[in-house]
Amino acid sequence: MSAAPKIARWCAAALLVTPDGRYLMQLRDDKPGILLPGHWALFGGTVDADESAAAAMRRELLEELEFAAPEIAAFSEMVVELPVAPPRFDRMSFFAVPITERAEQAMVQHEGAGRRLFRPEEIAGEARVAPWDLAAVLMHARRRSLFRL
């Protein structure tokens, strides 16, 4: 039996989803030093040592979008081994965050090169998308058929 991997970074990520099933994604900046530059990804960030993942999610949404989410719900969590040198393990906590189109239009983005609402099949067709975020979007979008909810 192997020991649990040492987690290098714990992140909270928002599945910002409209009533018609579109997901708000961020186009990450294309600059050196960041993971997955120029890729589509969910909004979110690092969970600080003194906070819960839910608190981090609310803080990140305020910092990145000036969005005070009226509702967030834990959805899924995964540990990802990143094939970087040296390899590292990141813990990803995903939260379902319902949004309206009106709320999205009122958001003020402070990080990233842009944002866009995608249907799940559209984001799945993008060449440059964070793979763990794509997995979370597809699991959420197809949760009723995948998990018989």
Protein backbone atom coordinates (compact mmCIF):
# COMPACT_ATOMS: atom_id res chain seq x y z
CA MET A 1 0.00 0.00 0.00
CA SER A 2 1.47 3.36 -1.00
CA ALA A 3 1.46 6.47 1.15
CA ALA A 4 -0.76 9.42 0.24
CA PRO A 5 1.09 11.88 -1.99
CA LYS A 6 2.40 15.13 -0.54
CA ILE A 7 0.18 17.93 -1.84
CA ALA A 8 2.18 20.84 -3.25
CA ARG A 9 -0.78 23.15 -3.88
CA TRP A 10 -4.47 23.09 -2.91
CA CYS A 11 -6.76 25.00 -5.28
CA ALA A 12 -10.44 25.86 -5.33
CA ALA A 13 -12.12 26.21 -8.74
CA ALA A 14 -15.58 27.50 -9.68
CA LEU A 15 -17.95 25.77 -12.06
CA LEU A 16 -19.75 29.04 -12.84
CA VAL A 17 -22.81 27.72 -14.64
CA THR A 18 -25.79 29.51 -16.21
CA PRO A 19 -29.35 28.12 -16.08
CA ASP A 20 -29.02 27.00 -19.72
CA GLY A 21 -25.88 24.95 -18.97
CA ARG A 22 -23.06 27.20 -20.13
CA TYR A 23 -19.84 27.46 -18.10
CA LEU A 24 -17.82 30.64 -17.61
CA MET A 25 -14.14 30.04 -18.37
CA GLN A 26 -11.12 32.31 -18.04
CA LEU A 27 -8.47 32.65 -20.72
CA ARG A 28 -5.26 32.46 -18.73
CA ASP A 29 -2.62 35.08 -19.34
CA ASP A 30 0.06 34.10 -21.85
CA LYS A 31 3.09 35.00 -19.78
CA PRO A 32 6.14 33.12 -18.53
CA GLY A 33 6.05 31.53 -15.10
CA ILE A 34 2.38 30.56 -14.92
CA LEU A 35 0.99 27.09 -15.37
CA LEU A 36 -0.89 26.60 -18.66
CA PRO A 37 -0.47 30.08 -20.18
CA GLY A 38 -2.99 30.90 -22.90
CA HIS A 39 -5.34 28.07 -21.87
CA TRP A 40 -9.01 28.18 -20.95
CA ALA A 41 -9.56 27.35 -17.28
CA LEU A 42 -12.03 27.76 -14.45
CA PHE A 43 -11.79 30.77 -12.16
CA GLY A 44 -10.22 30.09 -8.78
CA GLY A 45 -6.93 29.86 -6.98
CA THR A 46 -4.91 28.67 -4.03
CA VAL A 47 -6.49 27.78 -0.70
CA ASP A 48 -4.54 29.60 2.01
CA ALA A 49 -3.33 27.71 5.08
CA ASP A 50 -5.86 29.38 7.38
CA GLU A 51 -9.00 28.93 5.26
CA SER A 52 -11.39 26.29 3.99
CA ALA A 53 -11.77 25.54 0.30
CA ALA A 54 -15.24 27.16 0.34
CA ALA A 55 -13.84 30.34 1.93
CA ALA A 56 -11.03 30.39 -0.65
CA MET A 57 -13.59 29.97 -3.44
CA ARG A 58 -15.61 32.96 -2.23
CA ARG A 59 -12.43 35.05 -1.80
CA GLU A 60 -11.10 34.17 -5.25
CA LEU A 61 -14.42 35.05 -6.92
CA LEU A 62 -14.36 38.45 -5.21
CA GLU A 63 -10.71 39.08 -6.12
CA GLU A 64 -10.89 37.86 -9.71
CA LEU A 65 -14.42 38.92 -10.73
CA GLU A 66 -15.83 41.20 -8.00
CA PHE A 67 -18.52 38.53 -7.69
CA ALA A 68 -20.09 37.76 -4.31
CA ALA A 69 -21.60 34.36 -5.02
CA PRO A 70 -24.99 33.96 -3.34
CA GLU A 71 -24.59 30.19 -3.50
CA ILE A 72 -21.70 27.75 -3.81
CA ALA A 73 -21.85 23.98 -3.41
CA ALA A 74 -19.00 21.51 -3.18
CA PHE A 75 -19.10 19.35 -6.30
CA SER A 76 -15.99 17.19 -6.64
CA GLU A 77 -12.38 16.94 -5.67
CA MET A 78 -9.36 15.37 -7.31
CA VAL A 79 -5.63 15.06 -6.81
CA VAL A 80 -3.67 15.58 -10.00
CA GLU A 81 -0.07 14.54 -10.55
CA LEU A 82 1.43 17.23 -12.76
CA PRO A 83 4.14 15.91 -15.10
CA VAL A 84 6.47 18.83 -14.43
CA ALA A 85 10.08 18.64 -13.29
CA PRO A 86 10.06 17.61 -10.54
CA PRO A 87 6.54 16.07 -10.59
CA ARG A 88 4.08 17.52 -8.09
CA PHE A 89 0.63 16.73 -6.76
CA ASP A 90 -2.10 19.39 -6.68
CA ARG A 91 -5.41 19.00 -4.87
CA MET A 92 -8.36 20.51 -6.74
CA SER A 93 -11.66 21.32 -4.99
CA PHE A 94 -14.45 22.13 -7.45
CA PHE A 95 -17.55 24.11 -6.52
CA ALA A 96 -20.80 24.53 -8.47
CA VAL A 97 -21.68 28.22 -8.55
CA PRO A 98 -24.92 29.14 -10.32
CA ILE A 99 -24.82 32.45 -12.19
CA THR A 100 -27.21 34.39 -14.35
CA GLU A 101 -26.23 36.04 -17.61
CA ARG A 102 -26.91 39.37 -15.90
CA ALA A 103 -24.52 38.51 -13.07
CA GLU A 104 -21.84 37.50 -15.60
CA GLN A 105 -22.20 40.80 -17.45
CA ALA A 106 -21.75 42.71 -14.17
CA MET A 107 -18.50 40.90 -13.32
CA VAL A 108 -15.27 42.90 -13.42
CA GLN A 109 -12.37 40.63 -14.38
CA HIS A 110 -9.03 41.36 -12.69
CA GLU A 111 -7.03 38.28 -13.79
CA GLY A 112 -6.57 36.58 -17.12
CA ALA A 113 -6.75 37.70 -20.72
CA GLY A 114 -10.50 37.29 -21.12
CA ARG A 115 -13.54 35.18 -20.35
CA ARG A 116 -16.28 33.39 -22.25
CA LEU A 117 -19.36 31.27 -21.66
CA PHE A 118 -19.03 27.80 -23.21
CA ARG A 119 -21.36 24.88 -23.68
CA PRO A 120 -19.61 21.70 -22.46
CA GLU A 121 -19.13 20.36 -26.00
CA GLU A 122 -17.58 23.69 -27.06
CA ILE A 123 -14.98 23.71 -24.30
CA ALA A 124 -14.26 20.03 -24.98
CA GLY A 125 -13.37 21.03 -28.55
CA GLU A 126 -10.84 23.66 -27.50
CA ALA A 127 -7.21 22.73 -28.14
CA ARG A 128 -5.93 24.68 -25.14
CA VAL A 129 -7.92 23.94 -21.99
CA ALA A 130 -6.84 22.89 -18.48
CA PRO A 131 -7.53 19.13 -18.57
CA TRP A 132 -8.64 18.80 -14.92
CA ASP A 133 -11.04 21.73 -15.36
CA LEU A 134 -12.44 20.13 -18.51
CA ALA A 135 -12.96 16.87 -16.60
CA ALA A 136 -14.84 18.75 -13.84
CA VAL A 137 -17.03 20.62 -16.37
CA LEU A 138 -17.95 17.40 -18.17
CA MET A 139 -18.65 15.56 -14.90
CA HIS A 140 -20.89 18.42 -13.75
CA ALA A 141 -22.68 18.82 -17.09
CA ARG A 142 -23.33 15.07 -17.35
CA ARG A 143 -23.79 14.34 -13.63
CA ARG A 144 -27.38 13.09 -13.95
CA SER A 145 -26.50 10.44 -16.53
CA LEU A 146 -23.05 9.60 -15.14
CA PHE A 147 -24.03 9.31 -11.50
CA ARG A 148 -27.79 8.57 -11.79
CA LEU A 149 -28.75 11.65 -9.77
